[in-house]
Every structure is written in structure tokens, then in C-alpha cells.
Amino acid sequence: MAKYRLRAGYADGTTAEVDLAHLAGRGIFKLWDDGQNFQRVSVSEAGAIRWNDEVEICGDAVYLRITGKTIPQPALASGHV
């Protein structure tokens, strides 16, 4: 559904269209049920994609989704020192 798509751009030149339809109508994202609310998107100083003080998505998480990259696991998390 194209109505829940955003174009995201990052400092490294990565840009992509992001489909957020899977979030629409769920929990805090019910805010988007009024289509005008989805259009009120902005970017916070910390880089979050936000609609208001309660509804935002981590910009880094969107970047990882776009690029398919993952966060390296710390050595201790894997049991290695």
C-alpha cells in the first residue's frame, strides 16, 4: 500500500523508499488511521523518523532494513573474550 511509504536518505548517500504499511493500524501506529497524521512526519535532532512525541521509528533501524546490514555482536554476547 503506497500510502505508508517514505523516502529516506542518509549521510552516506544511501536513499530508498521505505514501506511502513506493516505497522499501520497497530498499537501507537493507529495514529496513522487518519491519513493526515502520516503526512506529518519529520526527523528529530537524534535522527528518528517521528510523527509526534510518542510515535517515532529509529532512523538507524530503518537504515539497517534498507541496506540489509546488521549490527556486529559484541564479543561478550557471543561468549568470547
PDB file of N, CA and C in Angstrom:
ATOM      1  N   MET A   1       0.846  -1.175   0.000  1.00  0.00           N
ATOM      2  CA  MET A   1       0.000   0.000   0.000  1.00  0.00           C
ATOM      3  C   MET A   1       0.893   1.240   0.000  1.00  0.00           C
ATOM      4  N   ALA A   2       0.858   2.029  -1.051  1.00  0.00           N
ATOM      5  CA  ALA A   2       1.755   3.165  -1.240  1.00  0.00           C
ATOM      6  C   ALA A   2       1.528   4.285  -0.236  1.00  0.00           C
ATOM      7  N   LYS A   3       0.384   4.305   0.431  1.00  0.00           N
ATOM      8  CA  LYS A   3       0.117   5.437   1.317  1.00  0.00           C
ATOM      9  C   LYS A   3       0.965   5.436   2.583  1.00  0.00           C
ATOM     10  N   TYR A   4       1.660   4.363   2.877  1.00  0.00           N
ATOM     11  CA  TYR A   4       2.529   4.314   4.057  1.00  0.00           C
ATOM     12  C   TYR A   4       4.000   4.198   3.654  1.00  0.00           C
ATOM     13  N   ARG A   5       4.379   4.889   2.597  1.00  0.00           N
ATOM     14  CA  ARG A   5       5.755   4.855   2.119  1.00  0.00           C
ATOM     15  C   ARG A   5       6.424   6.201   2.340  1.00  0.00           C
ATOM     16  N   LEU A   6       7.710   6.137   2.708  1.00  0.00           N
ATOM     17  CA  LEU A   6       8.533   7.325   2.891  1.00  0.00           C
ATOM     18  C   LEU A   6       9.819   7.170   2.094  1.00  0.00           C
ATOM     19  N   ARG A   7      10.383   8.255   1.692  1.00  0.00           N
ATOM     20  CA  ARG A   7      11.704   8.257   1.067  1.00  0.00           C
ATOM     21  C   ARG A   7      12.695   8.641   2.156  1.00  0.00           C
ATOM     22  N   ALA A   8      13.649   7.777   2.451  1.00  0.00           N
ATOM     23  CA  ALA A   8      14.637   8.019   3.498  1.00  0.00           C
ATOM     24  C   ALA A   8      16.003   8.234   2.858  1.00  0.00           C
ATOM     25  N   GLY A   9      16.742   9.208   3.363  1.00  0.00           N
ATOM     26  CA  GLY A   9      18.084   9.481   2.871  1.00  0.00           C
ATOM     27  C   GLY A   9      19.052   9.615   4.028  1.00  0.00           C
ATOM     28  N   TYR A  10      20.271   9.152   3.821  1.00  0.00           N
ATOM     29  CA  TYR A  10      21.282   9.138   4.884  1.00  0.00           C
ATOM     30  C   TYR A  10      22.562   9.818   4.424  1.00  0.00           C
ATOM     31  N   ALA A  11      23.378  10.219   5.392  1.00  0.00           N
ATOM     32  CA  ALA A  11      24.609  10.976   5.130  1.00  0.00           C
ATOM     33  C   ALA A  11      25.585  10.246   4.214  1.00  0.00           C
ATOM     34  N   ASP A  12      25.552   8.907   4.201  1.00  0.00           N
ATOM     35  CA  ASP A  12      26.479   8.156   3.350  1.00  0.00           C
ATOM     36  C   ASP A  12      25.996   8.042   1.910  1.00  0.00           C
ATOM     37  N   GLY A  13      24.880   8.714   1.591  1.00  0.00           N
ATOM     38  CA  GLY A  13      24.342   8.688   0.240  1.00  0.00           C
ATOM     39  C   GLY A  13      23.273   7.635   0.020  1.00  0.00           C
ATOM     40  N   THR A  14      23.044   6.782   0.979  1.00  0.00           N
ATOM     41  CA  THR A  14      22.001   5.764   0.873  1.00  0.00           C
ATOM     42  C   THR A  14      20.636   6.439   0.858  1.00  0.00           C
ATOM     43  N   THR A  15      19.821   6.112  -0.127  1.00  0.00           N
ATOM     44  CA  THR A  15      18.434   6.573  -0.184  1.00  0.00           C
ATOM     45  C   THR A  15      17.566   5.413  -0.635  1.00  0.00           C
ATOM     46  N   ALA A  16      16.362   5.374  -0.130  1.00  0.00           N
ATOM     47  CA  ALA A  16      15.436   4.317  -0.521  1.00  0.00           C
ATOM     48  C   ALA A  16      14.036   4.682  -0.089  1.00  0.00           C
ATOM     49  N   GLU A  17      13.080   4.079  -0.748  1.00  0.00           N
ATOM     50  CA  GLU A  17      11.690   4.193  -0.333  1.00  0.00           C
ATOM     51  C   GLU A  17      11.424   3.095   0.687  1.00  0.00           C
ATOM     52  N   VAL A  18      10.821   3.460   1.812  1.00  0.00           N
ATOM     53  CA  VAL A  18      10.555   2.526   2.895  1.00  0.00           C
ATOM     54  C   VAL A  18       9.054   2.346   3.030  1.00  0.00           C
ATOM     55  N   ASP A  19       8.599   1.104   3.004  1.00  0.00           N
ATOM     56  CA  ASP A  19       7.181   0.794   3.169  1.00  0.00           C
ATOM     57  C   ASP A  19       6.919   0.458   4.630  1.00  0.00           C
ATOM     58  N   LEU A  20       6.085   1.258   5.276  1.00  0.00           N
ATOM     59  CA  LEU A  20       5.767   1.069   6.689  1.00  0.00           C
ATOM     60  C   LEU A  20       4.348   0.525   6.885  1.00  0.00           C
ATOM     61  N   ALA A  21       3.738   0.009   5.819  1.00  0.00           N
ATOM     62  CA  ALA A  21       2.360  -0.482   5.889  1.00  0.00           C
ATOM     63  C   ALA A  21       2.195  -1.579   6.938  1.00  0.00           C
ATOM     64  N   HIS A  22       3.244  -2.365   7.194  1.00  0.00           N
ATOM     65  CA  HIS A  22       3.143  -3.447   8.173  1.00  0.00           C
ATOM     66  C   HIS A  22       2.924  -2.921   9.598  1.00  0.00           C
ATOM     67  N   LEU A  23       3.185  -1.639   9.830  1.00  0.00           N
ATOM     68  CA  LEU A  23       2.984  -1.045  11.153  1.00  0.00           C
ATOM     69  C   LEU A  23       1.626  -0.358  11.285  1.00  0.00           C
ATOM     70  N   ALA A  24       1.052   0.032  10.163  1.00  0.00           N
ATOM     71  CA  ALA A  24      -0.191   0.815  10.163  1.00  0.00           C
ATOM     72  C   ALA A  24      -1.308   0.102  10.918  1.00  0.00           C
ATOM     73  N   GLY A  25      -1.992   0.872  11.759  1.00  0.00           N
ATOM     74  CA  GLY A  25      -3.137   0.351  12.493  1.00  0.00           C
ATOM     75  C   GLY A  25      -2.795  -0.469  13.715  1.00  0.00           C
ATOM     76  N   ARG A  26      -1.519  -0.610  14.021  1.00  0.00           N
ATOM     77  CA  ARG A  26      -1.076  -1.422  15.165  1.00  0.00           C
ATOM     78  C   ARG A  26      -0.558  -0.530  16.287  1.00  0.00           C
ATOM     79  N   GLY A  27      -1.033  -0.764  17.496  1.00  0.00           N
ATOM     80  CA  GLY A  27      -0.529  -0.046  18.665  1.00  0.00           C
ATOM     81  C   GLY A  27      -0.490   1.455  18.454  1.00  0.00           C
ATOM     82  N   ILE A  28       0.670   2.057  18.737  1.00  0.00           N
ATOM     83  CA  ILE A  28       0.798   3.506  18.617  1.00  0.00           C
ATOM     84  C   ILE A  28       0.646   3.990  17.174  1.00  0.00           C
ATOM     85  N   PHE A  29       0.808   3.086  16.208  1.00  0.00           N
ATOM     86  CA  PHE A  29       0.705   3.469  14.804  1.00  0.00           C
ATOM     87  C   PHE A  29      -0.743   3.577  14.330  1.00  0.00           C
ATOM     88  N   LYS A  30      -1.715   3.376  15.236  1.00  0.00           N
ATOM     89  CA  LYS A  30      -3.115   3.657  14.918  1.00  0.00           C
ATOM     90  C   LYS A  30      -3.291   5.138  14.600  1.00  0.00           C
ATOM     91  N   LEU A  31      -2.345   5.942  15.053  1.00  0.00           N
ATOM     92  CA  LEU A  31      -2.345   7.370  14.740  1.00  0.00           C
ATOM     93  C   LEU A  31      -2.477   7.588  13.236  1.00  0.00           C
ATOM     94  N   TRP A  32      -1.903   6.693  12.460  1.00  0.00           N
ATOM     95  CA  TRP A  32      -1.918   6.834  11.003  1.00  0.00           C
ATOM     96  C   TRP A  32      -3.269   6.511  10.385  1.00  0.00           C
ATOM     97  N   ASP A  33      -4.222   5.980  11.173  1.00  0.00           N
ATOM     98  CA  ASP A  33      -5.548   5.680  10.627  1.00  0.00           C
ATOM     99  C   ASP A  33      -6.164   6.925   9.995  1.00  0.00           C
ATOM    100  N   ASP A  34      -5.831   8.083  10.538  1.00  0.00           N
ATOM    101  CA  ASP A  34      -6.180   9.350   9.907  1.00  0.00           C
ATOM    102  C   ASP A  34      -5.004   9.676   8.989  1.00  0.00           C
ATOM    103  N   GLY A  35      -5.195   9.543   7.706  1.00  0.00           N
ATOM    104  CA  GLY A  35      -4.118   9.723   6.728  1.00  0.00           C
ATOM    105  C   GLY A  35      -3.361  11.030   6.864  1.00  0.00           C
ATOM    106  N   GLN A  36      -4.017  12.070   7.372  1.00  0.00           N
ATOM    107  CA  GLN A  36      -3.347  13.352   7.575  1.00  0.00           C
ATOM    108  C   GLN A  36      -2.210  13.221   8.573  1.00  0.00           C
ATOM    109  N   ASN A  37      -2.370  12.355   9.559  1.00  0.00           N
ATOM    110  CA  ASN A  37      -1.336  12.185  10.575  1.00  0.00           C
ATOM    111  C   ASN A  37      -0.062  11.579   9.997  1.00  0.00           C
ATOM    112  N   PHE A  38      -0.182  10.637   9.064  1.00  0.00           N
ATOM    113  CA  PHE A  38       1.019  10.044   8.464  1.00  0.00           C
ATOM    114  C   PHE A  38       1.822  11.109   7.721  1.00  0.00           C
ATOM    115  N   GLN A  39       1.141  12.053   7.128  1.00  0.00           N
ATOM    116  CA  GLN A  39       1.803  13.109   6.354  1.00  0.00           C
ATOM    117  C   GLN A  39       2.569  14.093   7.230  1.00  0.00           C
ATOM    118  N   ARG A  40       2.367  14.063   8.539  1.00  0.00           N
ATOM    119  CA  ARG A  40       3.019  14.997   9.456  1.00  0.00           C
ATOM    120  C   ARG A  40       4.382  14.487   9.936  1.00  0.00           C
ATOM    121  N   VAL A  41       5.029  13.709   9.148  1.00  0.00           N
ATOM    122  CA  VAL A  41       6.315  13.113   9.503  1.00  0.00           C
ATOM    123  C   VAL A  41       7.429  14.166   9.513  1.00  0.00           C
ATOM    124  N   SER A  42       8.395  13.964  10.397  1.00  0.00           N
ATOM    125  CA  SER A  42       9.574  14.828  10.461  1.00  0.00           C
ATOM    126  C   SER A  42      10.750  13.985  10.952  1.00  0.00           C
ATOM    127  N   VAL A  43      11.918  14.594  11.005  1.00  0.00           N
ATOM    128  CA  VAL A  43      13.108  13.909  11.511  1.00  0.00           C
ATOM    129  C   VAL A  43      13.565  14.664  12.756  1.00  0.00           C
ATOM    130  N   SER A  44      13.765  13.927  13.849  1.00  0.00           N
ATOM    131  CA  SER A  44      14.206  14.546  15.102  1.00  0.00           C
ATOM    132  C   SER A  44      15.690  14.901  15.027  1.00  0.00           C
ATOM    133  N   GLU A  45      16.160  15.669  15.997  1.00  0.00           N
ATOM    134  CA  GLU A  45      17.581  16.019  16.061  1.00  0.00           C
ATOM    135  C   GLU A  45      18.452  14.771  16.203  1.00  0.00           C
ATOM    136  N   ALA A  46      17.918  13.722  16.816  1.00  0.00           N
ATOM    137  CA  ALA A  46      18.662  12.470  17.007  1.00  0.00           C
ATOM    138  C   ALA A  46      18.569  11.549  15.798  1.00  0.00           C
ATOM    139  N   GLY A  47      17.819  11.952  14.763  1.00  0.00           N
ATOM    140  CA  GLY A  47      17.720  11.145  13.554  1.00  0.00           C
ATOM    141  C   GLY A  47      16.550  10.180  13.517  1.00  0.00           C
ATOM    142  N   ALA A  48      15.643  10.293  14.485  1.00  0.00           N
ATOM    143  CA  ALA A  48      14.460   9.430  14.483  1.00  0.00           C
ATOM    144  C   ALA A  48      13.439   9.963  13.484  1.00  0.00           C
ATOM    145  N   ILE A  49      12.720   9.062  12.856  1.00  0.00           N
ATOM    146  CA  ILE A  49      11.609   9.427  11.986  1.00  0.00           C
ATOM    147  C   ILE A  49      10.405   9.529  12.916  1.00  0.00           C
ATOM    148  N   ARG A  50       9.790  10.720  12.997  1.00  0.00           N
ATOM    149  CA  ARG A  50       8.786  10.916  14.039  1.00  0.00           C
ATOM    150  C   ARG A  50       7.524  11.595  13.521  1.00  0.00           C
ATOM    151  N   TRP A  51       6.459  11.324  14.233  1.00  0.00           N
ATOM    152  CA  TRP A  51       5.174  11.935  13.940  1.00  0.00           C
ATOM    153  C   TRP A  51       4.720  12.823  15.086  1.00  0.00           C
ATOM    154  N   ASN A  52       5.075  12.463  16.301  1.00  0.00           N
ATOM    155  CA  ASN A  52       4.806  13.285  17.481  1.00  0.00           C
ATOM    156  C   ASN A  52       5.710  12.777  18.611  1.00  0.00           C
ATOM    157  N   ASP A  53       5.477  13.248  19.826  1.00  0.00           N
ATOM    158  CA  ASP A  53       6.345  12.867  20.947  1.00  0.00           C
ATOM    159  C   ASP A  53       6.255  11.387  21.310  1.00  0.00           C
ATOM    160  N   GLU A  54       5.168  10.725  20.945  1.00  0.00           N
ATOM    161  CA  GLU A  54       5.002   9.307  21.284  1.00  0.00           C
ATOM    162  C   GLU A  54       5.271   8.351  20.123  1.00  0.00           C
ATOM    163  N   VAL A  55       5.198   8.842  18.901  1.00  0.00           N
ATOM    164  CA  VAL A  55       5.283   7.961  17.737  1.00  0.00           C
ATOM    165  C   VAL A  55       6.519   8.301  16.914  1.00  0.00           C
ATOM    166  N   GLU A  56       7.497   7.389  16.973  1.00  0.00           N
ATOM    167  CA  GLU A  56       8.700   7.561  16.166  1.00  0.00           C
ATOM    168  C   GLU A  56       9.329   6.200  15.890  1.00  0.00           C
ATOM    169  N   ILE A  57      10.174   6.185  14.880  1.00  0.00           N
ATOM    170  CA  ILE A  57      10.894   4.978  14.478  1.00  0.00           C
ATOM    171  C   ILE A  57      12.379   5.332  14.443  1.00  0.00           C
ATOM    172  N   CYS A  58      13.202   4.462  14.948  1.00  0.00           N
ATOM    173  CA  CYS A  58      14.642   4.680  14.964  1.00  0.00           C
ATOM    174  C   CYS A  58      15.179   4.767  13.530  1.00  0.00           C
ATOM    175  N   GLY A  59      15.828   5.882  13.229  1.00  0.00           N
ATOM    176  CA  GLY A  59      16.407   6.061  11.899  1.00  0.00           C
ATOM    177  C   GLY A  59      17.463   5.018  11.576  1.00  0.00           C
ATOM    178  N   ASP A  60      18.226   4.590  12.591  1.00  0.00           N
ATOM    179  CA  ASP A  60      19.243   3.560  12.376  1.00  0.00           C
ATOM    180  C   ASP A  60      18.608   2.226  12.010  1.00  0.00           C
ATOM    181  N   ALA A  61      17.491   1.913  12.637  1.00  0.00           N
ATOM    182  CA  ALA A  61      16.798   0.655  12.327  1.00  0.00           C
ATOM    183  C   ALA A  61      16.299   0.665  10.886  1.00  0.00           C
ATOM    184  N   VAL A  62      15.813   1.791  10.430  1.00  0.00           N
ATOM    185  CA  VAL A  62      15.365   1.906   9.040  1.00  0.00           C
ATOM    186  C   VAL A  62      16.557   1.760   8.100  1.00  0.00           C
ATOM    187  N   TYR A  63      17.685   2.364   8.454  1.00  0.00           N
ATOM    188  CA  TYR A  63      18.897   2.238   7.646  1.00  0.00           C
ATOM    189  C   TYR A  63      19.313   0.772   7.513  1.00  0.00           C
ATOM    190  N   LEU A  64      19.304   0.046   8.616  1.00  0.00           N
ATOM    191  CA  LEU A  64      19.670  -1.372   8.579  1.00  0.00           C
ATOM    192  C   LEU A  64      18.714  -2.159   7.695  1.00  0.00           C
ATOM    193  N   ARG A  65      17.444  -1.830   7.756  1.00  0.00           N
ATOM    194  CA  ARG A  65      16.446  -2.520   6.924  1.00  0.00           C
ATOM    195  C   ARG A  65      16.682  -2.232   5.438  1.00  0.00           C
ATOM    196  N   ILE A  66      16.975  -0.976   5.132  1.00  0.00           N
ATOM    197  CA  ILE A  66      17.214  -0.579   3.741  1.00  0.00           C
ATOM    198  C   ILE A  66      18.445  -1.278   3.180  1.00  0.00           C
ATOM    199  N   THR A  67      19.523  -1.283   3.951  1.00  0.00           N
ATOM    200  CA  THR A  67      20.806  -1.783   3.452  1.00  0.00           C
ATOM    201  C   THR A  67      20.994  -3.285   3.633  1.00  0.00           C
ATOM    202  N   GLY A  68      20.207  -3.883   4.521  1.00  0.00           N
ATOM    203  CA  GLY A  68      20.387  -5.303   4.810  1.00  0.00           C
ATOM    204  C   GLY A  68      21.572  -5.566   5.727  1.00  0.00           C
ATOM    205  N   LYS A  69      22.149  -4.502   6.250  1.00  0.00           N
ATOM    206  CA  LYS A  69      23.285  -4.652   7.163  1.00  0.00           C
ATOM    207  C   LYS A  69      22.781  -5.064   8.542  1.00  0.00           C
ATOM    208  N   THR A  70      23.690  -5.574   9.350  1.00  0.00           N
ATOM    209  CA  THR A  70      23.364  -5.942  10.718  1.00  0.00           C
ATOM    210  C   THR A  70      24.351  -5.274  11.658  1.00  0.00           C
ATOM    211  N   ILE A  71      23.991  -5.205  12.904  1.00  0.00           N
ATOM    212  CA  ILE A  71      24.874  -4.655  13.923  1.00  0.00           C
ATOM    213  C   ILE A  71      25.799  -5.774  14.379  1.00  0.00           C
ATOM    214  N   PRO A  72      27.114  -5.539  14.343  1.00  0.00           N
ATOM    215  CA  PRO A  72      28.023  -6.598  14.826  1.00  0.00           C
ATOM    216  C   PRO A  72      27.745  -6.905  16.299  1.00  0.00           C
ATOM    217  N   GLN A  73      27.774  -8.155  16.641  1.00  0.00           N
ATOM    218  CA  GLN A  73      27.545  -8.572  18.014  1.00  0.00           C
ATOM    219  C   GLN A  73      28.811  -8.344  18.836  1.00  0.00           C
ATOM    220  N   PRO A  74      28.681  -7.760  20.019  1.00  0.00           N
ATOM    221  CA  PRO A  74      29.865  -7.596  20.875  1.00  0.00           C
ATOM    222  C   PRO A  74      30.461  -8.963  21.237  1.00  0.00           C
ATOM    223  N   ALA A  75      31.756  -8.994  21.483  1.00  0.00           N
ATOM    224  CA  ALA A  75      32.446 -10.239  21.793  1.00  0.00           C
ATOM    225  C   ALA A  75      31.821 -10.954  22.982  1.00  0.00           C
ATOM    226  N   LEU A  76      31.439 -10.209  24.016  1.00  0.00           N
ATOM    227  CA  LEU A  76      30.877 -10.833  25.200  1.00  0.00           C
ATOM    228  C   LEU A  76      29.519 -11.475  24.922  1.00  0.00           C
ATOM    229  N   ALA A  77      28.760 -10.940  23.994  1.00  0.00           N
ATOM    230  CA  ALA A  77      27.454 -11.502  23.677  1.00  0.00           C
ATOM    231  C   ALA A  77      27.584 -12.894  23.062  1.00  0.00           C
ATOM    232  N   SER A  78      28.705 -13.143  22.393  1.00  0.00           N
ATOM    233  CA  SER A  78      28.886 -14.449  21.766  1.00  0.00           C
ATOM    234  C   SER A  78      29.637 -15.424  22.683  1.00  0.00           C
ATOM    235  N   GLY A  79      29.973 -14.955  23.881  1.00  0.00           N
ATOM    236  CA  GLY A  79      30.677 -15.824  24.831  1.00  0.00           C
ATOM    237  C   GLY A  79      32.184 -15.802  24.668  1.00  0.00           C
ATOM    238  N   HIS A  80      32.703 -14.952  23.809  1.00  0.00           N
ATOM    239  CA  HIS A  80      34.153 -14.850  23.594  1.00  0.00           C
ATOM    240  C   HIS A  80      34.678 -13.624  24.319  1.00  0.00           C
ATOM    241  N   VAL A  81      35.887 -13.742  24.817  1.00  0.00           N
ATOM    242  CA  VAL A  81      36.517 -12.605  25.489  1.00  0.00           C
ATOM    243  C   VAL A  81      37.779 -12.239  24.754  1.00  0.00           C
TER     244      VAL A  81
END
